[in-house]
Every structure is written in C-alpha cells, then in structure tokens.
Amino acid sequence: MSDNVVKFRRPEKKPEPKPPRQRGPMPRWVPFAVLFAIAIVIFFVQGGAGGA
C-alpha cells in the first residue's frame, strides 16, 4: 500500500530581500559643510586665489 503514496517535498523558500537601510537623521553640521564647500568653489571659480 505504501507504494502508492506520493511523497512531496516542501518547496525551498527564497531568502527574503533585505529591507533598504534606514538612514538616521542628518547631523546638524552637514548643511553648514555643504554651504562652506559651495562658497569655496565659488571663491576659486571667480579667481579669488590671487594668481599672477
């Protein structure tokens, strides 16, 4: 009788995709660093380095 039994295998589960990394709040100094970097770029573009 056991010859008629169909044995089923459980389908393998795909690994769950990792959720996107949650970024914490931005540090308070980041906007000031960005503004400072922009100011430096503008300074050098305008030729403020005091060349010849």
N, C-alpha and C. Protein backbone atom coordinates (compact mmCIF):
# COMPACT_ATOMS: atom_id res chain seq x y z
N MET A 1 0.83 -1.20 0.00
CA MET A 1 0.00 0.00 0.00
C MET A 1 0.87 1.26 0.00
N SER A 2 2.01 1.19 0.65
CA SER A 2 2.87 2.36 0.71
C SER A 2 3.50 2.68 -0.64
N ASP A 3 3.40 1.81 -1.60
CA ASP A 3 3.94 2.07 -2.92
C ASP A 3 3.15 3.14 -3.66
N ASN A 4 1.90 3.33 -3.30
CA ASN A 4 1.04 4.29 -3.98
C ASN A 4 1.13 5.69 -3.38
N VAL A 5 1.91 5.87 -2.35
CA VAL A 5 2.00 7.17 -1.69
C VAL A 5 2.96 8.06 -2.47
N VAL A 6 2.51 9.25 -2.77
CA VAL A 6 3.36 10.22 -3.46
C VAL A 6 3.99 11.11 -2.39
N LYS A 7 5.28 11.15 -2.37
CA LYS A 7 5.96 11.96 -1.35
C LYS A 7 6.22 13.35 -1.91
N PHE A 8 5.81 14.33 -1.16
CA PHE A 8 6.01 15.71 -1.57
C PHE A 8 7.14 16.33 -0.78
N ARG A 9 7.90 17.14 -1.49
CA ARG A 9 8.96 17.89 -0.85
C ARG A 9 8.49 19.31 -0.69
N ARG A 10 8.78 19.91 0.43
CA ARG A 10 8.40 21.32 0.61
C ARG A 10 9.25 22.16 -0.32
N PRO A 11 8.62 23.08 -1.06
CA PRO A 11 9.43 23.93 -1.94
C PRO A 11 10.35 24.82 -1.11
N GLU A 12 11.55 25.00 -1.63
CA GLU A 12 12.51 25.82 -0.90
C GLU A 12 12.06 27.27 -0.94
N LYS A 13 12.14 27.92 0.21
CA LYS A 13 11.76 29.32 0.28
C LYS A 13 12.92 30.18 -0.21
N LYS A 14 12.58 31.19 -1.00
CA LYS A 14 13.60 32.14 -1.42
C LYS A 14 13.95 33.02 -0.23
N PRO A 15 15.21 33.36 -0.08
CA PRO A 15 15.57 34.25 1.05
C PRO A 15 14.88 35.59 0.88
N GLU A 16 14.38 36.10 1.98
CA GLU A 16 13.68 37.38 1.93
C GLU A 16 14.67 38.49 1.60
N PRO A 17 14.29 39.39 0.70
CA PRO A 17 15.20 40.50 0.39
C PRO A 17 15.38 41.39 1.61
N LYS A 18 16.60 41.86 1.76
CA LYS A 18 16.88 42.72 2.91
C LYS A 18 16.19 44.06 2.71
N PRO A 19 15.58 44.58 3.73
CA PRO A 19 14.94 45.89 3.59
C PRO A 19 15.99 46.97 3.38
N PRO A 20 15.64 48.03 2.66
CA PRO A 20 16.61 49.10 2.46
C PRO A 20 17.04 49.69 3.79
N ARG A 21 18.33 50.03 3.83
CA ARG A 21 18.88 50.53 5.09
C ARG A 21 18.25 51.85 5.47
N GLN A 22 17.77 51.93 6.67
CA GLN A 22 17.18 53.17 7.15
C GLN A 22 18.30 54.11 7.58
N ARG A 23 18.29 55.29 7.00
CA ARG A 23 19.30 56.27 7.40
C ARG A 23 18.77 57.07 8.57
N GLY A 24 19.66 57.34 9.48
CA GLY A 24 19.29 58.14 10.63
C GLY A 24 19.18 59.60 10.23
N PRO A 25 18.79 60.42 11.15
CA PRO A 25 18.71 61.85 10.83
C PRO A 25 20.09 62.41 10.50
N MET A 26 20.10 63.43 9.65
CA MET A 26 21.34 64.04 9.21
C MET A 26 21.96 64.81 10.38
N PRO A 27 23.27 64.73 10.54
CA PRO A 27 23.90 65.53 11.59
C PRO A 27 23.67 67.02 11.34
N ARG A 28 23.66 67.79 12.40
CA ARG A 28 23.34 69.21 12.28
C ARG A 28 24.40 69.98 11.51
N TRP A 29 25.63 69.49 11.44
CA TRP A 29 26.71 70.24 10.79
C TRP A 29 26.75 70.05 9.29
N VAL A 30 26.01 69.09 8.75
CA VAL A 30 26.08 68.80 7.32
C VAL A 30 25.66 69.99 6.45
N PRO A 31 24.54 70.67 6.73
CA PRO A 31 24.18 71.81 5.87
C PRO A 31 25.26 72.89 5.85
N PHE A 32 25.90 73.14 6.99
CA PHE A 32 26.94 74.16 7.05
C PHE A 32 28.16 73.72 6.24
N ALA A 33 28.48 72.43 6.28
CA ALA A 33 29.62 71.93 5.50
C ALA A 33 29.33 72.07 4.01
N VAL A 34 28.09 71.81 3.61
CA VAL A 34 27.73 71.95 2.19
C VAL A 34 27.82 73.40 1.76
N LEU A 35 27.29 74.31 2.57
CA LEU A 35 27.37 75.74 2.24
C LEU A 35 28.82 76.21 2.16
N PHE A 36 29.66 75.73 3.08
CA PHE A 36 31.06 76.11 3.08
C PHE A 36 31.75 75.60 1.82
N ALA A 37 31.44 74.38 1.42
CA ALA A 37 32.05 73.82 0.21
C ALA A 37 31.63 74.60 -1.03
N ILE A 38 30.36 74.99 -1.09
CA ILE A 38 29.88 75.78 -2.22
C ILE A 38 30.58 77.14 -2.25
N ALA A 39 30.74 77.75 -1.08
CA ALA A 39 31.42 79.04 -1.01
C ALA A 39 32.87 78.93 -1.49
N ILE A 40 33.55 77.87 -1.11
CA ILE A 40 34.95 77.67 -1.53
C ILE A 40 35.02 77.50 -3.05
N VAL A 41 34.09 76.73 -3.61
CA VAL A 41 34.08 76.52 -5.07
C VAL A 41 33.85 77.85 -5.78
N ILE A 42 32.89 78.63 -5.32
CA ILE A 42 32.61 79.93 -5.94
C ILE A 42 33.84 80.84 -5.84
N PHE A 43 34.50 80.81 -4.69
CA PHE A 43 35.69 81.64 -4.47
C PHE A 43 36.76 81.33 -5.51
N PHE A 44 37.03 80.05 -5.72
CA PHE A 44 38.09 79.68 -6.65
C PHE A 44 37.66 79.86 -8.10
N VAL A 45 36.39 79.71 -8.40
CA VAL A 45 35.91 79.92 -9.78
C VAL A 45 36.04 81.38 -10.17
N GLN A 46 35.81 82.27 -9.22
CA GLN A 46 35.89 83.70 -9.51
C GLN A 46 37.34 84.18 -9.56
N GLY A 47 38.27 83.32 -9.29
CA GLY A 47 39.68 83.72 -9.35
C GLY A 47 40.14 84.40 -8.09
N GLY A 48 39.59 84.02 -6.97
CA GLY A 48 39.94 84.66 -5.71
C GLY A 48 41.22 84.11 -5.12
N ALA A 49 41.90 83.23 -5.81
CA ALA A 49 43.13 82.66 -5.27
C ALA A 49 44.29 83.64 -5.35
N GLY A 50 44.12 84.75 -6.03
CA GLY A 50 45.17 85.77 -6.08
C GLY A 50 46.34 85.35 -6.94
N GLY A 51 46.05 84.91 -8.13
CA GLY A 51 47.12 84.45 -9.03
C GLY A 51 47.93 85.63 -9.57
N ALA A 52 48.63 85.43 -10.68
CA ALA A 52 49.51 86.45 -11.25
C ALA A 52 48.70 87.53 -11.78
